[in-house]
Amino acid sequence: MSVEILDGRTVQSFVEDEGAFNASVDGRFAALDADHDGLLSYPEMAGEIMSLRVLEKHFGVDEAGAVGPDELAKLYRCLFARFDRDGDGAVDREEFWAR
């Protein structure tokens, strides 16, 4: 695992560079779209959602026993639903871009 430290100015510069930011978001969508159908299913997004480490208590360490596996699965499904704004079970490029 590598760690990169970014200051606020670096992040702000990246977001303000519309071309670089748009290319990054489009590239991430394309990388997640394993079947190249223009839609992201839950299985395609699951790894990305789980990488958010929503239960992380200490740097790089998830809080043991915070929730059971069923609760954790429900939590990840709820995060996916935040992207799937129309509730059709897939995230299209427009939903992925929504802020």
PDB file of N, CA and C in Angstrom:
ATOM      1  N   MET A   1       0.851  -1.170   0.000  1.00  0.00           N
ATOM      2  CA  MET A   1       0.000   0.000   0.000  1.00  0.00           C
ATOM      3  C   MET A   1       0.895   1.231   0.000  1.00  0.00           C
ATOM      4  N   SER A   2       0.573   2.168  -0.833  1.00  0.00           N
ATOM      5  CA  SER A   2       1.320   3.421  -0.838  1.00  0.00           C
ATOM      6  C   SER A   2       0.437   4.531  -0.295  1.00  0.00           C
ATOM      7  N   VAL A   3       1.069   5.528   0.231  1.00  0.00           N
ATOM      8  CA  VAL A   3       0.353   6.667   0.792  1.00  0.00           C
ATOM      9  C   VAL A   3       0.870   7.920   0.116  1.00  0.00           C
ATOM     10  N   GLU A   4      -0.056   8.730  -0.322  1.00  0.00           N
ATOM     11  CA  GLU A   4       0.309  10.019  -0.900  1.00  0.00           C
ATOM     12  C   GLU A   4      -0.380  11.094  -0.089  1.00  0.00           C
ATOM     13  N   ILE A   5       0.340  12.112   0.246  1.00  0.00           N
ATOM     14  CA  ILE A   5      -0.204  13.216   1.011  1.00  0.00           C
ATOM     15  C   ILE A   5      -0.415  14.378   0.049  1.00  0.00           C
ATOM     16  N   LEU A   6      -1.640  14.850   0.008  1.00  0.00           N
ATOM     17  CA  LEU A   6      -1.975  15.973  -0.858  1.00  0.00           C
ATOM     18  C   LEU A   6      -2.465  17.117   0.009  1.00  0.00           C
ATOM     19  N   ASP A   7      -1.981  18.290  -0.259  1.00  0.00           N
ATOM     20  CA  ASP A   7      -2.510  19.428   0.469  1.00  0.00           C
ATOM     21  C   ASP A   7      -3.756  19.948  -0.241  1.00  0.00           C
ATOM     22  N   GLY A   8      -4.487  20.781   0.422  1.00  0.00           N
ATOM     23  CA  GLY A   8      -5.735  21.300  -0.124  1.00  0.00           C
ATOM     24  C   GLY A   8      -5.558  22.016  -1.447  1.00  0.00           C
ATOM     25  N   ARG A   9      -4.469  22.715  -1.610  1.00  0.00           N
ATOM     26  CA  ARG A   9      -4.218  23.458  -2.853  1.00  0.00           C
ATOM     27  C   ARG A   9      -4.047  22.509  -4.035  1.00  0.00           C
ATOM     28  N   THR A  10      -3.369  21.377  -3.806  1.00  0.00           N
ATOM     29  CA  THR A  10      -3.184  20.384  -4.874  1.00  0.00           C
ATOM     30  C   THR A  10      -4.525  19.833  -5.323  1.00  0.00           C
ATOM     31  N   VAL A  11      -5.367  19.490  -4.370  1.00  0.00           N
ATOM     32  CA  VAL A  11      -6.695  18.960  -4.688  1.00  0.00           C
ATOM     33  C   VAL A  11      -7.518  20.027  -5.399  1.00  0.00           C
ATOM     34  N   GLN A  12      -7.491  21.242  -4.895  1.00  0.00           N
ATOM     35  CA  GLN A  12      -8.251  22.333  -5.512  1.00  0.00           C
ATOM     36  C   GLN A  12      -7.787  22.573  -6.946  1.00  0.00           C
ATOM     37  N   SER A  13      -6.502  22.557  -7.183  1.00  0.00           N
ATOM     38  CA  SER A  13      -5.971  22.764  -8.537  1.00  0.00           C
ATOM     39  C   SER A  13      -6.461  21.672  -9.487  1.00  0.00           C
ATOM     40  N   PHE A  14      -6.462  20.435  -9.010  1.00  0.00           N
ATOM     41  CA  PHE A  14      -6.928  19.315  -9.833  1.00  0.00           C
ATOM     42  C   PHE A  14      -8.397  19.483 -10.193  1.00  0.00           C
ATOM     43  N   VAL A  15      -9.221  19.796  -9.204  1.00  0.00           N
ATOM     44  CA  VAL A  15     -10.663  19.953  -9.447  1.00  0.00           C
ATOM     45  C   VAL A  15     -10.933  21.137 -10.366  1.00  0.00           C
ATOM     46  N   GLU A  16     -10.152  22.198 -10.219  1.00  0.00           N
ATOM     47  CA  GLU A  16     -10.346  23.377 -11.061  1.00  0.00           C
ATOM     48  C   GLU A  16      -9.851  23.173 -12.489  1.00  0.00           C
ATOM     49  N   ASP A  17      -8.965  22.203 -12.706  1.00  0.00           N
ATOM     50  CA  ASP A  17      -8.496  21.880 -14.053  1.00  0.00           C
ATOM     51  C   ASP A  17      -9.559  20.987 -14.688  1.00  0.00           C
ATOM     52  N   GLU A  18     -10.540  21.628 -15.310  1.00  0.00           N
ATOM     53  CA  GLU A  18     -11.720  20.923 -15.809  1.00  0.00           C
ATOM     54  C   GLU A  18     -11.369  19.748 -16.713  1.00  0.00           C
ATOM     55  N   GLY A  19     -10.420  19.924 -17.601  1.00  0.00           N
ATOM     56  CA  GLY A  19     -10.038  18.849 -18.516  1.00  0.00           C
ATOM     57  C   GLY A  19      -9.490  17.644 -17.780  1.00  0.00           C
ATOM     58  N   ALA A  20      -8.573  17.872 -16.841  1.00  0.00           N
ATOM     59  CA  ALA A  20      -7.972  16.768 -16.078  1.00  0.00           C
ATOM     60  C   ALA A  20      -9.008  16.093 -15.196  1.00  0.00           C
ATOM     61  N   PHE A  21      -9.843  16.899 -14.547  1.00  0.00           N
ATOM     62  CA  PHE A  21     -10.867  16.335 -13.663  1.00  0.00           C
ATOM     63  C   PHE A  21     -11.871  15.503 -14.453  1.00  0.00           C
ATOM     64  N   ASN A  22     -12.367  16.033 -15.562  1.00  0.00           N
ATOM     65  CA  ASN A  22     -13.334  15.309 -16.391  1.00  0.00           C
ATOM     66  C   ASN A  22     -12.730  14.017 -16.928  1.00  0.00           C
ATOM     67  N   ALA A  23     -11.495  14.081 -17.375  1.00  0.00           N
ATOM     68  CA  ALA A  23     -10.830  12.880 -17.885  1.00  0.00           C
ATOM     69  C   ALA A  23     -10.682  11.832 -16.792  1.00  0.00           C
ATOM     70  N   SER A  24     -10.396  12.273 -15.584  1.00  0.00           N
ATOM     71  CA  SER A  24     -10.254  11.343 -14.463  1.00  0.00           C
ATOM     72  C   SER A  24     -11.579  10.655 -14.140  1.00  0.00           C
ATOM     73  N   VAL A  25     -12.662  11.418 -14.075  1.00  0.00           N
ATOM     74  CA  VAL A  25     -13.976  10.833 -13.766  1.00  0.00           C
ATOM     75  C   VAL A  25     -14.412   9.903 -14.892  1.00  0.00           C
ATOM     76  N   ASP A  26     -14.259  10.325 -16.133  1.00  0.00           N
ATOM     77  CA  ASP A  26     -14.625   9.475 -17.270  1.00  0.00           C
ATOM     78  C   ASP A  26     -13.776   8.197 -17.295  1.00  0.00           C
ATOM     79  N   GLY A  27     -12.501   8.340 -16.979  1.00  0.00           N
ATOM     80  CA  GLY A  27     -11.616   7.180 -16.940  1.00  0.00           C
ATOM     81  C   GLY A  27     -12.003   6.197 -15.852  1.00  0.00           C
ATOM     82  N   ARG A  28     -12.400   6.718 -14.702  1.00  0.00           N
ATOM     83  CA  ARG A  28     -12.823   5.836 -13.603  1.00  0.00           C
ATOM     84  C   ARG A  28     -14.092   5.093 -13.985  1.00  0.00           C
ATOM     85  N   PHE A  29     -15.047   5.790 -14.620  1.00  0.00           N
ATOM     86  CA  PHE A  29     -16.279   5.148 -15.062  1.00  0.00           C
ATOM     87  C   PHE A  29     -15.955   4.023 -16.042  1.00  0.00           C
ATOM     88  N   ALA A  30     -15.117   4.310 -17.020  1.00  0.00           N
ATOM     89  CA  ALA A  30     -14.749   3.311 -18.034  1.00  0.00           C
ATOM     90  C   ALA A  30     -14.054   2.114 -17.399  1.00  0.00           C
ATOM     91  N   ALA A  31     -13.194   2.366 -16.431  1.00  0.00           N
ATOM     92  CA  ALA A  31     -12.477   1.270 -15.769  1.00  0.00           C
ATOM     93  C   ALA A  31     -13.431   0.381 -14.975  1.00  0.00           C
ATOM     94  N   LEU A  32     -14.461   0.964 -14.397  1.00  0.00           N
ATOM     95  CA  LEU A  32     -15.428   0.187 -13.616  1.00  0.00           C
ATOM     96  C   LEU A  32     -16.414  -0.566 -14.501  1.00  0.00           C
ATOM     97  N   ASP A  33     -16.673  -0.052 -15.696  1.00  0.00           N
ATOM     98  CA  ASP A  33     -17.655  -0.650 -16.610  1.00  0.00           C
ATOM     99  C   ASP A  33     -17.056  -1.888 -17.294  1.00  0.00           C
ATOM    100  N   ALA A  34     -16.981  -2.977 -16.538  1.00  0.00           N
ATOM    101  CA  ALA A  34     -16.305  -4.198 -17.003  1.00  0.00           C
ATOM    102  C   ALA A  34     -16.907  -4.782 -18.271  1.00  0.00           C
ATOM    103  N   ASP A  35     -18.231  -4.703 -18.419  1.00  0.00           N
ATOM    104  CA  ASP A  35     -18.859  -5.289 -19.609  1.00  0.00           C
ATOM    105  C   ASP A  35     -19.077  -4.260 -20.728  1.00  0.00           C
ATOM    106  N   HIS A  36     -18.612  -3.051 -20.516  1.00  0.00           N
ATOM    107  CA  HIS A  36     -18.645  -1.979 -21.534  1.00  0.00           C
ATOM    108  C   HIS A  36     -20.043  -1.708 -22.084  1.00  0.00           C
ATOM    109  N   ASP A  37     -21.050  -1.788 -21.189  1.00  0.00           N
ATOM    110  CA  ASP A  37     -22.418  -1.512 -21.637  1.00  0.00           C
ATOM    111  C   ASP A  37     -22.867  -0.089 -21.329  1.00  0.00           C
ATOM    112  N   GLY A  38     -21.975   0.731 -20.781  1.00  0.00           N
ATOM    113  CA  GLY A  38     -22.329   2.113 -20.459  1.00  0.00           C
ATOM    114  C   GLY A  38     -23.083   2.257 -19.158  1.00  0.00           C
ATOM    115  N   LEU A  39     -23.186   1.167 -18.390  1.00  0.00           N
ATOM    116  CA  LEU A  39     -23.874   1.180 -17.103  1.00  0.00           C
ATOM    117  C   LEU A  39     -23.011   0.475 -16.073  1.00  0.00           C
ATOM    118  N   LEU A  40     -23.100   0.933 -14.826  1.00  0.00           N
ATOM    119  CA  LEU A  40     -22.383   0.277 -13.744  1.00  0.00           C
ATOM    120  C   LEU A  40     -23.377  -0.463 -12.862  1.00  0.00           C
ATOM    121  N   SER A  41     -23.220  -1.763 -12.782  1.00  0.00           N
ATOM    122  CA  SER A  41     -24.055  -2.580 -11.901  1.00  0.00           C
ATOM    123  C   SER A  41     -23.444  -2.560 -10.502  1.00  0.00           C
ATOM    124  N   TYR A  42     -24.184  -3.093  -9.531  1.00  0.00           N
ATOM    125  CA  TYR A  42     -23.632  -3.171  -8.183  1.00  0.00           C
ATOM    126  C   TYR A  42     -22.348  -4.000  -8.164  1.00  0.00           C
ATOM    127  N   PRO A  43     -22.318  -5.179  -8.793  1.00  0.00           N
ATOM    128  CA  PRO A  43     -21.056  -5.929  -8.771  1.00  0.00           C
ATOM    129  C   PRO A  43     -19.880  -5.159  -9.377  1.00  0.00           C
ATOM    130  N   GLU A  44     -20.137  -4.356 -10.407  1.00  0.00           N
ATOM    131  CA  GLU A  44     -19.052  -3.576 -11.006  1.00  0.00           C
ATOM    132  C   GLU A  44     -18.558  -2.485 -10.053  1.00  0.00           C
ATOM    133  N   MET A  45     -19.441  -1.938  -9.249  1.00  0.00           N
ATOM    134  CA  MET A  45     -19.071  -0.849  -8.348  1.00  0.00           C
ATOM    135  C   MET A  45     -18.711  -1.318  -6.944  1.00  0.00           C
ATOM    136  N   ALA A  46     -19.012  -2.562  -6.603  1.00  0.00           N
ATOM    137  CA  ALA A  46     -18.861  -3.031  -5.220  1.00  0.00           C
ATOM    138  C   ALA A  46     -17.446  -2.832  -4.683  1.00  0.00           C
ATOM    139  N   GLY A  47     -16.443  -3.213  -5.449  1.00  0.00           N
ATOM    140  CA  GLY A  47     -15.066  -3.055  -4.981  1.00  0.00           C
ATOM    141  C   GLY A  47     -14.720  -1.610  -4.707  1.00  0.00           C
ATOM    142  N   GLU A  48     -15.179  -0.728  -5.580  1.00  0.00           N
ATOM    143  CA  GLU A  48     -14.917   0.705  -5.408  1.00  0.00           C
ATOM    144  C   GLU A  48     -15.610   1.228  -4.158  1.00  0.00           C
ATOM    145  N   ILE A  49     -16.853   0.827  -3.961  1.00  0.00           N
ATOM    146  CA  ILE A  49     -17.605   1.259  -2.783  1.00  0.00           C
ATOM    147  C   ILE A  49     -16.934   0.739  -1.514  1.00  0.00           C
ATOM    148  N   MET A  50     -16.526  -0.529  -1.535  1.00  0.00           N
ATOM    149  CA  MET A  50     -15.888  -1.110  -0.354  1.00  0.00           C
ATOM    150  C   MET A  50     -14.542  -0.464  -0.064  1.00  0.00           C
ATOM    151  N   SER A  51     -13.875   0.060  -1.085  1.00  0.00           N
ATOM    152  CA  SER A  51     -12.580   0.707  -0.877  1.00  0.00           C
ATOM    153  C   SER A  51     -12.716   2.025  -0.121  1.00  0.00           C
ATOM    154  N   LEU A  52     -13.928   2.537   0.008  1.00  0.00           N
ATOM    155  CA  LEU A  52     -14.150   3.768   0.762  1.00  0.00           C
ATOM    156  C   LEU A  52     -13.882   3.578   2.249  1.00  0.00           C
ATOM    157  N   ARG A  53     -13.860   2.328   2.691  1.00  0.00           N
ATOM    158  CA  ARG A  53     -13.549   1.973   4.078  1.00  0.00           C
ATOM    159  C   ARG A  53     -14.381   2.808   5.043  1.00  0.00           C
ATOM    160  N   VAL A  54     -15.697   2.743   4.887  1.00  0.00           N
ATOM    161  CA  VAL A  54     -16.599   3.581   5.666  1.00  0.00           C
ATOM    162  C   VAL A  54     -16.553   3.300   7.162  1.00  0.00           C
ATOM    163  N   LEU A  55     -16.000   2.170   7.555  1.00  0.00           N
ATOM    164  CA  LEU A  55     -15.920   1.853   8.983  1.00  0.00           C
ATOM    165  C   LEU A  55     -14.514   2.045   9.541  1.00  0.00           C
ATOM    166  N   GLU A  56     -13.656   2.667   8.784  1.00  0.00           N
ATOM    167  CA  GLU A  56     -12.279   2.840   9.216  1.00  0.00           C
ATOM    168  C   GLU A  56     -12.229   3.724  10.460  1.00  0.00           C
ATOM    169  N   LYS A  57     -11.597   3.210  11.479  1.00  0.00           N
ATOM    170  CA  LYS A  57     -11.474   3.959  12.727  1.00  0.00           C
ATOM    171  C   LYS A  57     -10.086   4.579  12.841  1.00  0.00           C
ATOM    172  N   HIS A  58      -9.083   3.810  12.473  1.00  0.00           N
ATOM    173  CA  HIS A  58      -7.703   4.268  12.511  1.00  0.00           C
ATOM    174  C   HIS A  58      -7.143   4.133  11.099  1.00  0.00           C
ATOM    175  N   PHE A  59      -6.144   4.870  10.774  1.00  0.00           N
ATOM    176  CA  PHE A  59      -5.573   4.867   9.445  1.00  0.00           C
ATOM    177  C   PHE A  59      -5.305   3.444   8.964  1.00  0.00           C
ATOM    178  N   GLY A  60      -6.055   3.009   7.956  1.00  0.00           N
ATOM    179  CA  GLY A  60      -5.843   1.705   7.344  1.00  0.00           C
ATOM    180  C   GLY A  60      -6.405   0.518   8.095  1.00  0.00           C
ATOM    181  N   VAL A  61      -7.137   0.750   9.194  1.00  0.00           N
ATOM    182  CA  VAL A  61      -7.652  -0.365   9.988  1.00  0.00           C
ATOM    183  C   VAL A  61      -9.143  -0.179  10.199  1.00  0.00           C
ATOM    184  N   ASP A  62      -9.927  -1.153   9.739  1.00  0.00           N
ATOM    185  CA  ASP A  62     -11.364  -1.106   9.973  1.00  0.00           C
ATOM    186  C   ASP A  62     -11.668  -1.481  11.413  1.00  0.00           C
ATOM    187  N   GLU A  63     -12.699  -0.879  11.938  1.00  0.00           N
ATOM    188  CA  GLU A  63     -13.118  -1.159  13.308  1.00  0.00           C
ATOM    189  C   GLU A  63     -13.696  -2.566  13.365  1.00  0.00           C
ATOM    190  N   ALA A  64     -13.065  -3.456  14.080  1.00  0.00           N
ATOM    191  CA  ALA A  64     -13.499  -4.855  14.177  1.00  0.00           C
ATOM    192  C   ALA A  64     -14.840  -4.947  14.892  1.00  0.00           C
ATOM    193  N   GLY A  65     -15.725  -5.711  14.308  1.00  0.00           N
ATOM    194  CA  GLY A  65     -17.006  -5.986  14.939  1.00  0.00           C
ATOM    195  C   GLY A  65     -17.971  -4.828  14.998  1.00  0.00           C
ATOM    196  N   ALA A  66     -17.709  -3.755  14.270  1.00  0.00           N
ATOM    197  CA  ALA A  66     -18.598  -2.598  14.314  1.00  0.00           C
ATOM    198  C   ALA A  66     -19.998  -2.952  13.848  1.00  0.00           C
ATOM    199  N   VAL A  67     -20.088  -3.727  12.792  1.00  0.00           N
ATOM    200  CA  VAL A  67     -21.374  -4.201  12.277  1.00  0.00           C
ATOM    201  C   VAL A  67     -21.181  -5.616  11.755  1.00  0.00           C
ATOM    202  N   GLY A  68     -22.275  -6.351  11.713  1.00  0.00           N
ATOM    203  CA  GLY A  68     -22.222  -7.700  11.175  1.00  0.00           C
ATOM    204  C   GLY A  68     -22.179  -7.691   9.659  1.00  0.00           C
ATOM    205  N   PRO A  69     -21.909  -8.858   9.050  1.00  0.00           N
ATOM    206  CA  PRO A  69     -21.803  -8.924   7.590  1.00  0.00           C
ATOM    207  C   PRO A  69     -23.083  -8.521   6.870  1.00  0.00           C
ATOM    208  N   ASP A  70     -24.240  -8.850   7.428  1.00  0.00           N
ATOM    209  CA  ASP A  70     -25.501  -8.467   6.784  1.00  0.00           C
ATOM    210  C   ASP A  70     -25.704  -6.958   6.825  1.00  0.00           C
ATOM    211  N   GLU A  71     -25.364  -6.357   7.954  1.00  0.00           N
ATOM    212  CA  GLU A  71     -25.485  -4.906   8.077  1.00  0.00           C
ATOM    213  C   GLU A  71     -24.502  -4.197   7.139  1.00  0.00           C
ATOM    214  N   LEU A  72     -23.306  -4.759   7.041  1.00  0.00           N
ATOM    215  CA  LEU A  72     -22.295  -4.173   6.161  1.00  0.00           C
ATOM    216  C   LEU A  72     -22.743  -4.257   4.701  1.00  0.00           C
ATOM    217  N   ALA A  73     -23.290  -5.396   4.298  1.00  0.00           N
ATOM    218  CA  ALA A  73     -23.799  -5.552   2.932  1.00  0.00           C
ATOM    219  C   ALA A  73     -24.907  -4.534   2.667  1.00  0.00           C
ATOM    220  N   LYS A  74     -25.778  -4.334   3.645  1.00  0.00           N
ATOM    221  CA  LYS A  74     -26.868  -3.354   3.499  1.00  0.00           C
ATOM    222  C   LYS A  74     -26.295  -1.938   3.360  1.00  0.00           C
ATOM    223  N   LEU A  75     -25.267  -1.643   4.135  1.00  0.00           N
ATOM    224  CA  LEU A  75     -24.626  -0.335   4.062  1.00  0.00           C
ATOM    225  C   LEU A  75     -24.050  -0.079   2.671  1.00  0.00           C
ATOM    226  N   TYR A  76     -23.355  -1.079   2.114  1.00  0.00           N
ATOM    227  CA  TYR A  76     -22.784  -0.929   0.775  1.00  0.00           C
ATOM    228  C   TYR A  76     -23.876  -0.788  -0.285  1.00  0.00           C
ATOM    229  N   ARG A  77     -24.968  -1.519  -0.129  1.00  0.00           N
ATOM    230  CA  ARG A  77     -26.099  -1.381  -1.067  1.00  0.00           C
ATOM    231  C   ARG A  77     -26.699   0.025  -0.986  1.00  0.00           C
ATOM    232  N   CYS A  78     -26.777   0.559   0.211  1.00  0.00           N
ATOM    233  CA  CYS A  78     -27.309   1.919   0.381  1.00  0.00           C
ATOM    234  C   CYS A  78     -26.397   2.950  -0.282  1.00  0.00           C
ATOM    235  N   LEU A  79     -25.082   2.745  -0.173  1.00  0.00           N
ATOM    236  CA  LEU A  79     -24.153   3.653  -0.852  1.00  0.00           C
ATOM    237  C   LEU A  79     -24.330   3.569  -2.363  1.00  0.00           C
ATOM    238  N   PHE A  80     -24.506   2.365  -2.883  1.00  0.00           N
ATOM    239  CA  PHE A  80     -24.753   2.202  -4.320  1.00  0.00           C
ATOM    240  C   PHE A  80     -26.036   2.941  -4.714  1.00  0.00           C
ATOM    241  N   ALA A  81     -27.065   2.827  -3.891  1.00  0.00           N
ATOM    242  CA  ALA A  81     -28.346   3.487  -4.183  1.00  0.00           C
ATOM    243  C   ALA A  81     -28.193   5.002  -4.263  1.00  0.00           C
ATOM    244  N   ARG A  82     -27.225   5.561  -3.555  1.00  0.00           N
ATOM    245  CA  ARG A  82     -26.990   7.009  -3.646  1.00  0.00           C
ATOM    246  C   ARG A  82     -26.523   7.410  -5.042  1.00  0.00           C
ATOM    247  N   PHE A  83     -25.802   6.526  -5.704  1.00  0.00           N
ATOM    248  CA  PHE A  83     -25.387   6.762  -7.093  1.00  0.00           C
ATOM    249  C   PHE A  83     -26.533   6.466  -8.055  1.00  0.00           C
ATOM    250  N   ASP A  84     -27.284   5.398  -7.777  1.00  0.00           N
ATOM    251  CA  ASP A  84     -28.376   4.953  -8.641  1.00  0.00           C
ATOM    252  C   ASP A  84     -29.622   5.789  -8.351  1.00  0.00           C
ATOM    253  N   ARG A  85     -29.583   7.026  -8.787  1.00  0.00           N
ATOM    254  CA  ARG A  85     -30.625   7.994  -8.440  1.00  0.00           C
ATOM    255  C   ARG A  85     -32.016   7.618  -8.929  1.00  0.00           C
ATOM    256  N   ASP A  86     -32.112   6.925 -10.071  1.00  0.00           N
ATOM    257  CA  ASP A  86     -33.441   6.564 -10.581  1.00  0.00           C
ATOM    258  C   ASP A  86     -33.892   5.184 -10.108  1.00  0.00           C
ATOM    259  N   GLY A  87     -33.051   4.486  -9.354  1.00  0.00           N
ATOM    260  CA  GLY A  87     -33.432   3.210  -8.754  1.00  0.00           C
ATOM    261  C   GLY A  87     -33.607   2.064  -9.727  1.00  0.00           C
ATOM    262  N   ASP A  88     -32.961   2.144 -10.904  1.00  0.00           N
ATOM    263  CA  ASP A  88     -33.146   1.080 -11.897  1.00  0.00           C
ATOM    264  C   ASP A  88     -32.134  -0.057 -11.756  1.00  0.00           C
ATOM    265  N   GLY A  89     -31.284   0.010 -10.727  1.00  0.00           N
ATOM    266  CA  GLY A  89     -30.323  -1.060 -10.499  1.00  0.00           C
ATOM    267  C   GLY A  89     -29.002  -0.891 -11.226  1.00  0.00           C
ATOM    268  N   ALA A  90     -28.829   0.232 -11.906  1.00  0.00           N
ATOM    269  CA  ALA A  90     -27.584   0.504 -12.621  1.00  0.00           C
ATOM    270  C   ALA A  90     -27.282   1.998 -12.547  1.00  0.00           C
ATOM    271  N   VAL A  91     -26.014   2.322 -12.623  1.00  0.00           N
ATOM    272  CA  VAL A  91     -25.580   3.715 -12.597  1.00  0.00           C
ATOM    273  C   VAL A  91     -25.073   4.070 -13.989  1.00  0.00           C
ATOM    274  N   ASP A  92     -25.757   5.023 -14.630  1.00  0.00           N
ATOM    275  CA  ASP A  92     -25.292   5.463 -15.941  1.00  0.00           C
ATOM    276  C   ASP A  92     -24.281   6.591 -15.759  1.00  0.00           C
ATOM    277  N   ARG A  93     -23.709   7.019 -16.848  1.00  0.00           N
ATOM    278  CA  ARG A  93     -22.667   8.050 -16.782  1.00  0.00           C
ATOM    279  C   ARG A  93     -23.199   9.331 -16.142  1.00  0.00           C
ATOM    280  N   GLU A  94     -24.420   9.736 -16.445  1.00  0.00           N
ATOM    281  CA  GLU A  94     -24.994  10.950 -15.873  1.00  0.00           C
ATOM    282  C   GLU A  94     -25.128  10.836 -14.361  1.00  0.00           C
ATOM    283  N   GLU A  95     -25.599   9.683 -13.883  1.00  0.00           N
ATOM    284  CA  GLU A  95     -25.725   9.483 -12.434  1.00  0.00           C
ATOM    285  C   GLU A  95     -24.344   9.461 -11.771  1.00  0.00           C
ATOM    286  N   PHE A  96     -23.381   8.871 -12.432  1.00  0.00           N
ATOM    287  CA  PHE A  96     -22.026   8.805 -11.901  1.00  0.00           C
ATOM    288  C   PHE A  96     -21.436  10.194 -11.752  1.00  0.00           C
ATOM    289  N   TRP A  97     -21.773  11.073 -12.703  1.00  0.00           N
ATOM    290  CA  TRP A  97     -21.273  12.438 -12.691  1.00  0.00           C
ATOM    291  C   TRP A  97     -22.024  13.346 -11.714  1.00  0.00           C
ATOM    292  N   ALA A  98     -23.235  12.970 -11.330  1.00  0.00           N
ATOM    293  CA  ALA A  98     -24.072  13.854 -10.490  1.00  0.00           C
ATOM    294  C   ALA A  98     -23.332  14.205  -9.203  1.00  0.00           C
ATOM    295  N   ARG A  99     -23.462  15.422  -8.828  1.00  0.00           N
ATOM    296  CA  ARG A  99     -22.780  15.900  -7.620  1.00  0.00           C
ATOM    297  C   ARG A  99     -23.768  16.116  -6.519  1.00  0.00           C
TER     298      ARG A  99
END
